[in-house]
PDB file of all heavy atoms in Angstrom:
ATOM      1  N   TRP A   1       0.813  -1.300   0.004  1.00  0.00           N
ATOM      2  CA  TRP A   1       0.024  -0.021   0.052  1.00  0.00           C
ATOM      3  C   TRP A   1       0.831   1.225   0.042  1.00  0.00           C
ATOM      4  O   TRP A   1       0.369   2.395  -0.176  1.00  0.00           O
ATOM      5  CB  TRP A   1      -0.980  -0.026   1.201  1.00  0.00           C
ATOM      6  CG  TRP A   1      -1.802  -1.266   1.401  1.00  0.00           C
ATOM      7  CD1 TRP A   1      -2.139  -1.968   0.298  1.00  0.00           C
ATOM      8  CD2 TRP A   1      -2.397  -1.752   2.455  1.00  0.00           C
ATOM      9  NE1 TRP A   1      -2.913  -3.188   0.717  1.00  0.00           N
ATOM     10  CE2 TRP A   1      -3.079  -2.939   2.024  1.00  0.00           C
ATOM     11  CE3 TRP A   1      -2.330  -1.316   3.871  1.00  0.00           C
ATOM     12  CZ2 TRP A   1      -3.716  -3.731   3.065  1.00  0.00           C
ATOM     13  CZ3 TRP A   1      -3.053  -2.125   4.684  1.00  0.00           C
ATOM     14  CH2 TRP A   1      -3.758  -3.269   4.324  1.00  0.00           C
ATOM     15  N   LEU A   2       2.130   1.160   0.333  1.00  0.00           N
ATOM     16  CA  LEU A   2       2.988   2.226   0.259  1.00  0.00           C
ATOM     17  C   LEU A   2       3.547   2.606  -1.152  1.00  0.00           C
ATOM     18  O   LEU A   2       4.255   3.563  -1.275  1.00  0.00           O
ATOM     19  CB  LEU A   2       4.221   1.997   1.218  1.00  0.00           C
ATOM     20  CG  LEU A   2       3.939   1.904   2.677  1.00  0.00           C
ATOM     21  CD1 LEU A   2       5.214   1.633   3.457  1.00  0.00           C
ATOM     22  CD2 LEU A   2       3.299   3.059   3.288  1.00  0.00           C
ATOM     23  N   ASN A   3       3.192   1.726  -2.110  1.00  0.00           N
ATOM     24  CA  ASN A   3       3.632   1.906  -3.454  1.00  0.00           C
ATOM     25  C   ASN A   3       5.159   1.968  -3.539  1.00  0.00           C
ATOM     26  O   ASN A   3       5.687   2.753  -4.386  1.00  0.00           O
ATOM     27  CB  ASN A   3       3.034   3.243  -4.113  1.00  0.00           C
ATOM     28  CG  ASN A   3       1.573   3.126  -4.181  1.00  0.00           C
ATOM     29  OD1 ASN A   3       0.980   2.051  -4.563  1.00  0.00           O
ATOM     30  ND2 ASN A   3       0.781   4.215  -3.692  1.00  0.00           N
ATOM     31  N   LEU A   4       5.859   1.152  -2.716  1.00  0.00           N
ATOM     32  CA  LEU A   4       7.284   1.047  -2.927  1.00  0.00           C
ATOM     33  C   LEU A   4       7.511   0.027  -3.999  1.00  0.00           C
ATOM     34  O   LEU A   4       6.983  -1.111  -3.913  1.00  0.00           O
ATOM     35  CB  LEU A   4       7.950   0.534  -1.592  1.00  0.00           C
ATOM     36  CG  LEU A   4       7.658   1.548  -0.346  1.00  0.00           C
ATOM     37  CD1 LEU A   4       8.237   0.857   0.894  1.00  0.00           C
ATOM     38  CD2 LEU A   4       8.435   2.841  -0.684  1.00  0.00           C
ATOM     39  N   PRO A   5       8.321   0.401  -4.988  1.00  0.00           N
ATOM     40  CA  PRO A   5       8.393  -0.343  -6.184  1.00  0.00           C
ATOM     41  C   PRO A   5       9.044  -1.795  -5.977  1.00  0.00           C
ATOM     42  O   PRO A   5       8.800  -2.684  -6.638  1.00  0.00           O
ATOM     43  CB  PRO A   5       9.273   0.376  -7.155  1.00  0.00           C
ATOM     44  CG  PRO A   5       9.831   1.504  -6.315  1.00  0.00           C
ATOM     45  CD  PRO A   5       8.969   1.697  -5.136  1.00  0.00           C
ATOM     46  N   GLY A   6       9.929  -1.898  -4.860  1.00  0.00           N
ATOM     47  CA  GLY A   6      10.597  -3.166  -4.607  1.00  0.00           C
ATOM     48  C   GLY A   6       9.862  -4.104  -3.769  1.00  0.00           C
ATOM     49  O   GLY A   6      10.318  -5.286  -3.534  1.00  0.00           O
ATOM     50  N   ALA A   7       8.698  -3.730  -3.300  1.00  0.00           N
ATOM     51  CA  ALA A   7       7.842  -4.682  -2.380  1.00  0.00           C
ATOM     52  C   ALA A   7       7.497  -5.978  -3.103  1.00  0.00           C
ATOM     53  O   ALA A   7       7.049  -5.972  -4.330  1.00  0.00           O
ATOM     54  CB  ALA A   7       6.538  -3.976  -1.864  1.00  0.00           C
ATOM     55  N   PRO A   8       7.728  -6.995  -2.472  1.00  0.00           N
ATOM     56  CA  PRO A   8       7.433  -8.359  -3.038  1.00  0.00           C
ATOM     57  C   PRO A   8       5.940  -8.504  -3.442  1.00  0.00           C
ATOM     58  O   PRO A   8       5.052  -7.869  -2.690  1.00  0.00           O
ATOM     59  CB  PRO A   8       7.657  -9.411  -2.069  1.00  0.00           C
ATOM     60  CG  PRO A   8       8.654  -8.699  -1.120  1.00  0.00           C
ATOM     61  CD  PRO A   8       8.275  -7.269  -1.107  1.00  0.00           C
ATOM     62  N   SER A   9       5.610  -9.043  -4.525  1.00  0.00           N
ATOM     63  CA  SER A   9       4.195  -9.240  -5.009  1.00  0.00           C
ATOM     64  C   SER A   9       3.373 -10.294  -4.194  1.00  0.00           C
ATOM     65  O   SER A   9       2.160 -10.081  -3.966  1.00  0.00           O
ATOM     66  CB  SER A   9       4.171  -9.652  -6.490  1.00  0.00           C
ATOM     67  OG  SER A   9       4.932 -10.906  -6.622  1.00  0.00           O
ATOM     68  N   ASP A  10       4.183 -11.192  -3.525  1.00  0.00           N
ATOM     69  CA  ASP A  10       3.647 -12.078  -2.556  1.00  0.00           C
ATOM     70  C   ASP A  10       4.439 -12.079  -1.313  1.00  0.00           C
ATOM     71  O   ASP A  10       5.565 -11.906  -1.197  1.00  0.00           O
ATOM     72  CB  ASP A  10       3.641 -13.610  -3.104  1.00  0.00           C
ATOM     73  CG  ASP A  10       2.463 -13.829  -4.049  1.00  0.00           C
ATOM     74  OD1 ASP A  10       1.370 -13.409  -3.710  1.00  0.00           O
ATOM     75  OD2 ASP A  10       2.657 -14.629  -5.067  1.00  0.00           O
ATOM     76  N   LEU A  11       3.623 -12.379  -0.159  1.00  0.00           N
ATOM     77  CA  LEU A  11       4.365 -12.555   1.083  1.00  0.00           C
ATOM     78  C   LEU A  11       4.852 -13.935   1.119  1.00  0.00           C
ATOM     79  O   LEU A  11       4.069 -14.938   0.909  1.00  0.00           O
ATOM     80  CB  LEU A  11       3.370 -12.346   2.225  1.00  0.00           C
ATOM     81  CG  LEU A  11       2.898 -10.845   2.576  1.00  0.00           C
ATOM     82  CD1 LEU A  11       2.188 -10.675   3.827  1.00  0.00           C
ATOM     83  CD2 LEU A  11       4.051  -9.943   2.458  1.00  0.00           C
ATOM     84  N   LEU A  12       6.162 -14.169   1.334  1.00  0.00           N
ATOM     85  CA  LEU A  12       6.810 -15.507   1.360  1.00  0.00           C
ATOM     86  C   LEU A  12       7.571 -15.683   2.724  1.00  0.00           C
ATOM     87  O   LEU A  12       8.066 -14.735   3.273  1.00  0.00           O
ATOM     88  CB  LEU A  12       7.753 -15.588   0.192  1.00  0.00           C
ATOM     89  CG  LEU A  12       7.261 -15.325  -1.207  1.00  0.00           C
ATOM     90  CD1 LEU A  12       8.433 -15.177  -2.137  1.00  0.00           C
ATOM     91  CD2 LEU A  12       6.247 -16.344  -1.602  1.00  0.00           C
ATOM     92  N   LEU A  13       7.683 -16.965   3.136  1.00  0.00           N
ATOM     93  CA  LEU A  13       8.475 -17.384   4.332  1.00  0.00           C
ATOM     94  C   LEU A  13       9.088 -18.725   4.042  1.00  0.00           C
ATOM     95  O   LEU A  13       8.572 -19.508   3.126  1.00  0.00           O
ATOM     96  CB  LEU A  13       7.625 -17.419   5.641  1.00  0.00           C
ATOM     97  CG  LEU A  13       7.243 -16.076   6.329  1.00  0.00           C
ATOM     98  CD1 LEU A  13       6.201 -16.353   7.301  1.00  0.00           C
ATOM     99  CD2 LEU A  13       8.380 -15.323   6.829  1.00  0.00           C
ATOM    100  N   ARG A  14      10.184 -18.925   4.700  1.00  0.00           N
ATOM    101  CA  ARG A  14      10.712 -20.328   4.621  1.00  0.00           C
ATOM    102  C   ARG A  14       9.652 -21.218   5.092  1.00  0.00           C
ATOM    103  O   ARG A  14       8.809 -21.150   5.920  1.00  0.00           O
ATOM    104  CB  ARG A  14      11.810 -20.460   5.544  1.00  0.00           C
ATOM    105  CG  ARG A  14      12.981 -19.635   5.237  1.00  0.00           C
ATOM    106  CD  ARG A  14      13.950 -20.221   4.380  1.00  0.00           C
ATOM    107  NE  ARG A  14      15.286 -19.468   4.254  1.00  0.00           N
ATOM    108  CZ  ARG A  14      16.407 -19.992   3.815  1.00  0.00           C
ATOM    109  NH1 ARG A  14      16.508 -21.291   3.431  1.00  0.00           N
ATOM    110  NH2 ARG A  14      17.414 -19.204   3.847  1.00  0.00           N
ATOM    111  N   GLU A  15       9.568 -22.507   4.330  1.00  0.00           N
ATOM    112  CA  GLU A  15       8.503 -23.432   4.632  1.00  0.00           C
ATOM    113  C   GLU A  15       8.461 -23.899   6.055  1.00  0.00           C
ATOM    114  O   GLU A  15       7.418 -23.951   6.702  1.00  0.00           O
ATOM    115  CB  GLU A  15       8.726 -24.668   3.702  1.00  0.00           C
ATOM    116  CG  GLU A  15       7.661 -25.590   3.822  1.00  0.00           C
ATOM    117  CD  GLU A  15       7.901 -26.828   2.813  1.00  0.00           C
ATOM    118  OE1 GLU A  15       9.059 -27.247   2.613  1.00  0.00           O
ATOM    119  OE2 GLU A  15       6.938 -27.192   2.090  1.00  0.00           O
ATOM    120  N   GLU A  16       9.647 -24.157   6.690  1.00  0.00           N
ATOM    121  CA  GLU A  16       9.838 -24.564   8.020  1.00  0.00           C
ATOM    122  C   GLU A  16       9.159 -23.431   9.040  1.00  0.00           C
ATOM    123  O   GLU A  16       8.420 -23.719   9.999  1.00  0.00           O
ATOM    124  CB  GLU A  16      11.117 -24.885   8.443  1.00  0.00           C
ATOM    125  CG  GLU A  16      11.315 -25.447   9.839  1.00  0.00           C
ATOM    126  CD  GLU A  16      12.749 -25.612  10.135  1.00  0.00           C
ATOM    127  OE1 GLU A  16      13.686 -25.186   9.338  1.00  0.00           O
ATOM    128  OE2 GLU A  16      13.041 -26.373  11.033  1.00  0.00           O
ATOM    129  N   ALA A  17       9.506 -22.225   8.728  1.00  0.00           N
ATOM    130  CA  ALA A  17       8.951 -21.111   9.630  1.00  0.00           C
ATOM    131  C   ALA A  17       7.389 -20.951   9.375  1.00  0.00           C
ATOM    132  O   ALA A  17       6.680 -20.743  10.335  1.00  0.00           O
ATOM    133  CB  ALA A  17       9.688 -19.834   9.268  1.00  0.00           C
ATOM    134  N   LEU A  18       6.988 -21.142   8.271  1.00  0.00           N
ATOM    135  CA  LEU A  18       5.526 -20.984   7.982  1.00  0.00           C
ATOM    136  C   LEU A  18       4.778 -22.190   8.733  1.00  0.00           C
ATOM    137  O   LEU A  18       3.686 -21.917   9.167  1.00  0.00           O
ATOM    138  CB  LEU A  18       5.343 -20.975   6.433  1.00  0.00           C
ATOM    139  CG  LEU A  18       3.821 -20.968   6.010  1.00  0.00           C
ATOM    140  CD1 LEU A  18       3.170 -19.744   6.518  1.00  0.00           C
ATOM    141  CD2 LEU A  18       3.691 -20.896   4.408  1.00  0.00           C
ATOM    142  N   ASP A  19       5.375 -23.349   8.505  1.00  0.00           N
ATOM    143  CA  ASP A  19       4.662 -24.492   9.199  1.00  0.00           C
ATOM    144  C   ASP A  19       4.522 -24.166  10.768  1.00  0.00           C
ATOM    145  O   ASP A  19       3.610 -24.529  11.342  1.00  0.00           O
ATOM    146  CB  ASP A  19       5.630 -25.794   9.134  1.00  0.00           C
ATOM    147  CG  ASP A  19       5.581 -26.374   7.740  1.00  0.00           C
ATOM    148  OD1 ASP A  19       4.579 -25.956   7.031  1.00  0.00           O
ATOM    149  OD2 ASP A  19       6.407 -27.196   7.386  1.00  0.00           O
ATOM    150  N   ARG A  20       5.642 -23.566  11.249  1.00  0.00           N
ATOM    151  CA  ARG A  20       5.600 -23.253  12.829  1.00  0.00           C
ATOM    152  C   ARG A  20       4.554 -22.157  13.053  1.00  0.00           C
ATOM    153  O   ARG A  20       3.948 -22.129  14.071  1.00  0.00           O
ATOM    154  CB  ARG A  20       7.039 -22.901  13.257  1.00  0.00           C
ATOM    155  CG  ARG A  20       8.002 -24.122  13.239  1.00  0.00           C
ATOM    156  CD  ARG A  20       9.391 -23.593  13.438  1.00  0.00           C
ATOM    157  NE  ARG A  20      10.276 -24.763  13.625  1.00  0.00           N
ATOM    158  CZ  ARG A  20      10.493 -25.532  14.618  1.00  0.00           C
ATOM    159  NH1 ARG A  20      10.074 -25.234  15.804  1.00  0.00           N
ATOM    160  NH2 ARG A  20      11.379 -26.633  14.690  1.00  0.00           N
ATOM    161  N   LEU A  21       4.460 -21.150  12.175  1.00  0.00           N
ATOM    162  CA  LEU A  21       3.401 -20.180  12.390  1.00  0.00           C
ATOM    163  C   LEU A  21       2.029 -20.796  12.353  1.00  0.00           C
ATOM    164  O   LEU A  21       1.172 -20.466  13.115  1.00  0.00           O
ATOM    165  CB  LEU A  21       3.598 -19.171  11.305  1.00  0.00           C
ATOM    166  CG  LEU A  21       4.600 -17.940  11.530  1.00  0.00           C
ATOM    167  CD1 LEU A  21       4.394 -17.036  10.419  1.00  0.00           C
ATOM    168  CD2 LEU A  21       4.537 -17.363  12.858  1.00  0.00           C
ATOM    169  N   CYS A  22       1.826 -21.789  11.447  1.00  0.00           N
ATOM    170  CA  CYS A  22       0.447 -22.365  11.419  1.00  0.00           C
ATOM    171  C   CYS A  22       0.196 -23.219  12.630  1.00  0.00           C
ATOM    172  O   CYS A  22      -0.872 -23.128  13.166  1.00  0.00           O
ATOM    173  CB  CYS A  22       0.455 -23.304  10.144  1.00  0.00           C
ATOM    174  SG  CYS A  22       0.415 -22.442   8.531  1.00  0.00           S
ATOM    175  N   ARG A  23       1.147 -23.817  13.148  1.00  0.00           N
ATOM    176  CA  ARG A  23       1.036 -24.568  14.480  1.00  0.00           C
ATOM    177  C   ARG A  23       0.869 -23.552  15.616  1.00  0.00           C
ATOM    178  O   ARG A  23      -0.030 -23.868  16.515  1.00  0.00           O
ATOM    179  CB  ARG A  23       2.295 -25.386  14.793  1.00  0.00           C
ATOM    180  CG  ARG A  23       2.355 -26.638  13.838  1.00  0.00           C
ATOM    181  CD  ARG A  23       3.232 -27.683  14.401  1.00  0.00           C
ATOM    182  NE  ARG A  23       4.606 -27.284  14.632  1.00  0.00           N
ATOM    183  CZ  ARG A  23       5.578 -27.462  13.782  1.00  0.00           C
ATOM    184  NH1 ARG A  23       5.463 -27.985  12.600  1.00  0.00           N
ATOM    185  NH2 ARG A  23       6.868 -26.985  14.190  1.00  0.00           N
ATOM    186  N   ALA A  24       1.520 -22.403  15.562  1.00  0.00           N
ATOM    187  CA  ALA A  24       1.216 -21.374  16.591  1.00  0.00           C
ATOM    188  C   ALA A  24      -0.198 -20.891  16.604  1.00  0.00           C
ATOM    189  O   ALA A  24      -0.747 -20.727  17.562  1.00  0.00           O
ATOM    190  CB  ALA A  24       2.235 -20.214  16.376  1.00  0.00           C
ATOM    191  N   GLU A  25      -0.743 -20.665  15.465  1.00  0.00           N
ATOM    192  CA  GLU A  25      -2.099 -20.165  15.235  1.00  0.00           C
ATOM    193  C   GLU A  25      -3.061 -21.296  15.841  1.00  0.00           C
ATOM    194  O   GLU A  25      -4.034 -20.910  16.595  1.00  0.00           O
ATOM    195  CB  GLU A  25      -2.510 -20.004  13.806  1.00  0.00           C
ATOM    196  CG  GLU A  25      -3.782 -19.370  13.664  1.00  0.00           C
ATOM    197  CD  GLU A  25      -4.236 -19.037  12.121  1.00  0.00           C
ATOM    198  OE1 GLU A  25      -4.170 -19.795  11.315  1.00  0.00           O
ATOM    199  OE2 GLU A  25      -4.560 -17.804  11.995  1.00  0.00           O
ATOM    200  N   ARG A  26      -2.751 -22.486  15.741  1.00  0.00           N
ATOM    201  CA  ARG A  26      -3.629 -23.615  16.111  1.00  0.00           C
ATOM    202  C   ARG A  26      -3.625 -23.605  17.784  1.00  0.00           C
ATOM    203  O   ARG A  26      -4.527 -24.146  18.382  1.00  0.00           O
ATOM    204  CB  ARG A  26      -3.300 -24.864  15.581  1.00  0.00           C
ATOM    205  CG  ARG A  26      -3.522 -25.021  14.159  1.00  0.00           C
ATOM    206  CD  ARG A  26      -3.604 -26.503  13.654  1.00  0.00           C
ATOM    207  NE  ARG A  26      -2.325 -27.106  13.676  1.00  0.00           N
ATOM    208  CZ  ARG A  26      -1.522 -26.998  12.573  1.00  0.00           C
ATOM    209  NH1 ARG A  26      -1.903 -26.338  11.482  1.00  0.00           N
ATOM    210  NH2 ARG A  26      -0.318 -27.605  12.695  1.00  0.00           N
ATOM    211  N   ARG A  27      -2.626 -22.965  18.378  1.00  0.00           N
ATOM    212  CA  ARG A  27      -2.544 -22.935  19.855  1.00  0.00           C
ATOM    213  C   ARG A  27      -3.321 -21.917  20.332  1.00  0.00           C
ATOM    214  O   ARG A  27      -3.621 -21.760  21.666  1.00  0.00           O
ATOM    215  CB  ARG A  27      -1.003 -22.641  20.271  1.00  0.00           C
ATOM    216  CG  ARG A  27       0.008 -23.899  19.959  1.00  0.00           C
ATOM    217  CD  ARG A  27       1.386 -23.516  20.351  1.00  0.00           C
ATOM    218  NE  ARG A  27       2.306 -24.512  20.202  1.00  0.00           N
ATOM    219  CZ  ARG A  27       2.613 -25.470  21.144  1.00  0.00           C
ATOM    220  NH1 ARG A  27       2.013 -25.427  22.303  1.00  0.00           N
ATOM    221  NH2 ARG A  27       3.472 -26.416  20.929  1.00  0.00           N
ATOM    222  N   LEU A  28      -3.828 -20.896  19.573  1.00  0.00           N
ATOM    223  CA  LEU A  28      -4.507 -19.786  20.075  1.00  0.00           C
ATOM    224  C   LEU A  28      -5.970 -20.207  20.520  1.00  0.00           C
ATOM    225  O   LEU A  28      -6.665 -21.106  19.998  1.00  0.00           O
ATOM    226  CB  LEU A  28      -4.771 -18.695  19.005  1.00  0.00           C
ATOM    227  CG  LEU A  28      -3.416 -17.958  18.566  1.00  0.00           C
ATOM    228  CD1 LEU A  28      -3.641 -17.116  17.271  1.00  0.00           C
ATOM    229  CD2 LEU A  28      -3.018 -17.014  19.726  1.00  0.00           C
ATOM    230  N   PRO A  29      -6.522 -19.363  21.471  1.00  0.00           N
ATOM    231  CA  PRO A  29      -7.967 -19.692  21.874  1.00  0.00           C
ATOM    232  C   PRO A  29      -8.850 -19.298  20.746  1.00  0.00           C
ATOM    233  O   PRO A  29      -8.603 -18.579  19.758  1.00  0.00           O
ATOM    234  CB  PRO A  29      -8.198 -18.640  23.005  1.00  0.00           C
ATOM    235  CG  PRO A  29      -6.744 -18.264  23.570  1.00  0.00           C
ATOM    236  CD  PRO A  29      -5.847 -18.289  22.290  1.00  0.00           C
ATOM    237  N   PRO A  30     -10.122 -20.045  20.816  1.00  0.00           N
ATOM    238  CA  PRO A  30     -11.118 -19.654  19.745  1.00  0.00           C
ATOM    239  C   PRO A  30     -11.248 -18.175  19.556  1.00  0.00           C
ATOM    240  O   PRO A  30     -11.352 -17.421  20.553  1.00  0.00           O
ATOM    241  CB  PRO A  30     -12.244 -20.386  20.325  1.00  0.00           C
ATOM    242  CG  PRO A  30     -11.838 -21.451  21.198  1.00  0.00           C
ATOM    243  CD  PRO A  30     -10.611 -20.870  21.866  1.00  0.00           C
ATOM    244  N   GLY A  31     -11.483 -17.739  18.315  1.00  0.00           N
ATOM    245  CA  GLY A  31     -11.655 -16.455  17.983  1.00  0.00           C
ATOM    246  C   GLY A  31     -10.483 -15.646  17.445  1.00  0.00           C
ATOM    247  O   GLY A  31     -10.471 -14.519  16.811  1.00  0.00           O
ATOM    248  N   PHE A  32      -9.291 -16.141  17.932  1.00  0.00           N
ATOM    249  CA  PHE A  32      -8.034 -15.516  17.625  1.00  0.00           C
ATOM    250  C   PHE A  32      -7.424 -16.186  16.393  1.00  0.00           C
ATOM    251  O   PHE A  32      -7.586 -17.301  16.058  1.00  0.00           O
ATOM    252  CB  PHE A  32      -7.092 -15.568  18.781  1.00  0.00           C
ATOM    253  CG  PHE A  32      -7.317 -14.643  19.974  1.00  0.00           C
ATOM    254  CD1 PHE A  32      -8.085 -15.176  20.994  1.00  0.00           C
ATOM    255  CD2 PHE A  32      -7.054 -13.300  19.854  1.00  0.00           C
ATOM    256  CE1 PHE A  32      -8.351 -14.374  22.079  1.00  0.00           C
ATOM    257  CE2 PHE A  32      -7.399 -12.446  20.981  1.00  0.00           C
ATOM    258  CZ  PHE A  32      -8.003 -13.043  22.040  1.00  0.00           C
ATOM    259  N   GLY A  33      -6.526 -15.304  15.632  1.00  0.00           N
ATOM    260  CA  GLY A  33      -5.792 -15.859  14.528  1.00  0.00           C
ATOM    261  C   GLY A  33      -4.479 -15.088  14.488  1.00  0.00           C
ATOM    262  O   GLY A  33      -4.333 -14.027  15.218  1.00  0.00           O
ATOM    263  N   ILE A  34      -3.680 -15.594  13.461  1.00  0.00           N
ATOM    264  CA  ILE A  34      -2.335 -14.841  13.241  1.00  0.00           C
ATOM    265  C   ILE A  34      -2.501 -14.189  11.889  1.00  0.00           C
ATOM    266  O   ILE A  34      -2.987 -14.781  10.882  1.00  0.00           O
ATOM    267  CB  ILE A  34      -1.249 -15.771  13.356  1.00  0.00           C
ATOM    268  CG1 ILE A  34      -0.851 -16.090  14.697  1.00  0.00           C
ATOM    269  CG2 ILE A  34       0.002 -15.165  12.572  1.00  0.00           C
ATOM    270  CD1 ILE A  34       0.289 -17.120  14.897  1.00  0.00           C
ATOM    271  N   VAL A  35      -2.120 -12.944  11.764  1.00  0.00           N
ATOM    272  CA  VAL A  35      -1.960 -12.091  10.563  1.00  0.00           C
ATOM    273  C   VAL A  35      -0.642 -11.758  10.076  1.00  0.00           C
ATOM    274  O   VAL A  35       0.085 -11.102  10.994  1.00  0.00           O
ATOM    275  CB  VAL A  35      -2.896 -10.892  10.675  1.00  0.00           C
ATOM    276  CG1 VAL A  35      -2.831 -10.141   9.316  1.00  0.00           C
ATOM    277  CG2 VAL A  35      -4.424 -11.306  10.982  1.00  0.00           C
ATOM    278  N   VAL A  36      -0.186 -12.234   9.001  1.00  0.00           N
ATOM    279  CA  VAL A  36       1.222 -11.929   8.608  1.00  0.00           C
ATOM    280  C   VAL A  36       1.295 -10.638   7.899  1.00  0.00           C
ATOM    281  O   VAL A  36       0.456 -10.503   6.838  1.00  0.00           O
ATOM    282  CB  VAL A  36       1.930 -13.093   7.815  1.00  0.00           C
ATOM    283  CG1 VAL A  36       3.227 -12.756   7.497  1.00  0.00           C
ATOM    284  CG2 VAL A  36       1.714 -14.428   8.712  1.00  0.00           C
ATOM    285  N   ILE A  37       2.059  -9.674   8.232  1.00  0.00           N
ATOM    286  CA  ILE A  37       2.215  -8.375   7.469  1.00  0.00           C
ATOM    287  C   ILE A  37       3.308  -8.291   6.623  1.00  0.00           C
ATOM    288  O   ILE A  37       3.260  -7.676   5.461  1.00  0.00           O
ATOM    289  CB  ILE A  37       2.310  -7.311   8.567  1.00  0.00           C
ATOM    290  CG1 ILE A  37       1.148  -7.292   9.638  1.00  0.00           C
ATOM    291  CG2 ILE A  37       2.516  -5.977   7.999  1.00  0.00           C
ATOM    292  CD1 ILE A  37       1.317  -6.467  10.757  1.00  0.00           C
ATOM    293  N   ASP A  38       4.512  -9.096   6.917  1.00  0.00           N
ATOM    294  CA  ASP A  38       5.637  -9.026   6.035  1.00  0.00           C
ATOM    295  C   ASP A  38       6.422 -10.299   6.316  1.00  0.00           C
ATOM    296  O   ASP A  38       6.432 -10.834   7.393  1.00  0.00           O
ATOM    297  CB  ASP A  38       6.434  -7.801   6.308  1.00  0.00           C
ATOM    298  CG  ASP A  38       7.527  -7.549   5.209  1.00  0.00           C
ATOM    299  OD1 ASP A  38       7.410  -7.789   4.068  1.00  0.00           O
ATOM    300  OD2 ASP A  38       8.608  -7.147   5.597  1.00  0.00           O
ATOM    301  N   GLY A  39       7.166 -10.714   5.313  1.00  0.00           N
ATOM    302  CA  GLY A  39       8.050 -11.942   5.322  1.00  0.00           C
ATOM    303  C   GLY A  39       9.314 -11.666   4.740  1.00  0.00           C
ATOM    304  O   GLY A  39      10.066 -10.676   5.033  1.00  0.00           O
ATOM    305  N   TRP A  40       9.675 -12.435   3.646  1.00  0.00           N
ATOM    306  CA  TRP A  40      10.914 -12.343   2.944  1.00  0.00           C
ATOM    307  C   TRP A  40      10.992 -11.036   2.231  1.00  0.00           C
ATOM    308  O   TRP A  40      10.016 -10.572   1.640  1.00  0.00           O
ATOM    309  CB  TRP A  40      11.000 -13.486   1.971  1.00  0.00           C
ATOM    310  CG  TRP A  40      12.253 -13.313   1.078  1.00  0.00           C
ATOM    311  CD1 TRP A  40      13.529 -13.596   1.355  1.00  0.00           C
ATOM    312  CD2 TRP A  40      12.302 -12.795  -0.273  1.00  0.00           C
ATOM    313  NE1 TRP A  40      14.325 -13.314   0.264  1.00  0.00           N
ATOM    314  CE2 TRP A  40      13.608 -12.699  -0.769  1.00  0.00           C
ATOM    315  CE3 TRP A  40      11.208 -12.340  -1.168  1.00  0.00           C
ATOM    316  CZ2 TRP A  40      13.962 -12.237  -1.961  1.00  0.00           C
ATOM    317  CZ3 TRP A  40      11.523 -11.747  -2.357  1.00  0.00           C
ATOM    318  CH2 TRP A  40      12.884 -11.781  -2.746  1.00  0.00           C
ATOM    319  N   ARG A  41      12.169 -10.419   2.250  1.00  0.00           N
ATOM    320  CA  ARG A  41      12.515  -9.201   1.467  1.00  0.00           C
ATOM    321  C   ARG A  41      13.766  -9.477   0.625  1.00  0.00           C
ATOM    322  O   ARG A  41      14.653 -10.128   1.215  1.00  0.00           O
ATOM    323  CB  ARG A  41      12.693  -8.003   2.383  1.00  0.00           C
ATOM    324  CG  ARG A  41      11.638  -7.696   3.203  1.00  0.00           C
ATOM    325  CD  ARG A  41      11.965  -6.515   4.279  1.00  0.00           C
ATOM    326  NE  ARG A  41      11.076  -6.294   5.272  1.00  0.00           N
ATOM    327  CZ  ARG A  41      11.241  -5.575   6.357  1.00  0.00           C
ATOM    328  NH1 ARG A  41      12.549  -5.229   6.720  1.00  0.00           N
ATOM    329  NH2 ARG A  41      10.236  -5.463   7.291  1.00  0.00           N
ATOM    330  N   SER A  42      13.796  -8.985  -0.512  1.00  0.00           N
ATOM    331  CA  SER A  42      15.099  -8.895  -1.152  1.00  0.00           C
ATOM    332  C   SER A  42      15.980  -7.968  -0.539  1.00  0.00           C
ATOM    333  O   SER A  42      15.475  -7.014   0.257  1.00  0.00           O
ATOM    334  CB  SER A  42      14.950  -8.468  -2.689  1.00  0.00           C
ATOM    335  OG  SER A  42      14.448  -7.233  -2.780  1.00  0.00           O
ATOM    336  N   ARG A  43      17.323  -7.980  -0.656  1.00  0.00           N
ATOM    337  CA  ARG A  43      18.207  -6.949  -0.147  1.00  0.00           C
ATOM    338  C   ARG A  43      17.912  -5.637  -0.727  1.00  0.00           C
ATOM    339  O   ARG A  43      18.068  -4.530  -0.023  1.00  0.00           O
ATOM    340  CB  ARG A  43      19.618  -7.468  -0.394  1.00  0.00           C
ATOM    341  CG  ARG A  43      20.659  -6.473   0.453  1.00  0.00           C
ATOM    342  CD  ARG A  43      22.126  -6.909   0.223  1.00  0.00           C
ATOM    343  NE  ARG A  43      22.401  -8.219   0.905  1.00  0.00           N
ATOM    344  CZ  ARG A  43      23.023  -8.234   2.068  1.00  0.00           C
ATOM    345  NH1 ARG A  43      23.249  -7.120   2.744  1.00  0.00           N
ATOM    346  NH2 ARG A  43      23.244  -9.397   2.605  1.00  0.00           N
ATOM    347  N   ALA A  44      17.519  -5.521  -2.011  1.00  0.00           N
ATOM    348  CA  ALA A  44      17.234  -4.305  -2.522  1.00  0.00           C
ATOM    349  C   ALA A  44      16.003  -3.664  -1.981  1.00  0.00           C
ATOM    350  O   ALA A  44      16.057  -2.431  -1.694  1.00  0.00           O
ATOM    351  CB  ALA A  44      16.999  -4.520  -4.066  1.00  0.00           C
ATOM    352  N   PHE A  45      15.075  -4.471  -1.604  1.00  0.00           N
ATOM    353  CA  PHE A  45      13.807  -3.955  -0.906  1.00  0.00           C
ATOM    354  C   PHE A  45      14.253  -3.493   0.388  1.00  0.00           C
ATOM    355  O   PHE A  45      13.701  -2.507   1.082  1.00  0.00           O
ATOM    356  CB  PHE A  45      12.662  -4.865  -0.981  1.00  0.00           C
ATOM    357  CG  PHE A  45      11.488  -4.276  -0.371  1.00  0.00           C
ATOM    358  CD1 PHE A  45      10.885  -3.146  -0.727  1.00  0.00           C
ATOM    359  CD2 PHE A  45      10.826  -4.982   0.842  1.00  0.00           C
ATOM    360  CE1 PHE A  45       9.728  -2.577  -0.131  1.00  0.00           C
ATOM    361  CE2 PHE A  45       9.818  -4.471   1.333  1.00  0.00           C
ATOM    362  CZ  PHE A  45       9.137  -3.172   0.970  1.00  0.00           C
TER     363      PHE A  45
END
């Protein structure tokens, strides 16, 4: 939304880290979730 030209078109994470985030979300009480705002960046970005 900042219109920065180098921003990744998709939010990406290492598969292992993403697996762990998904397990973390399942630990939350009902009604709660995890929202990911940013992940992998190129060095240029």
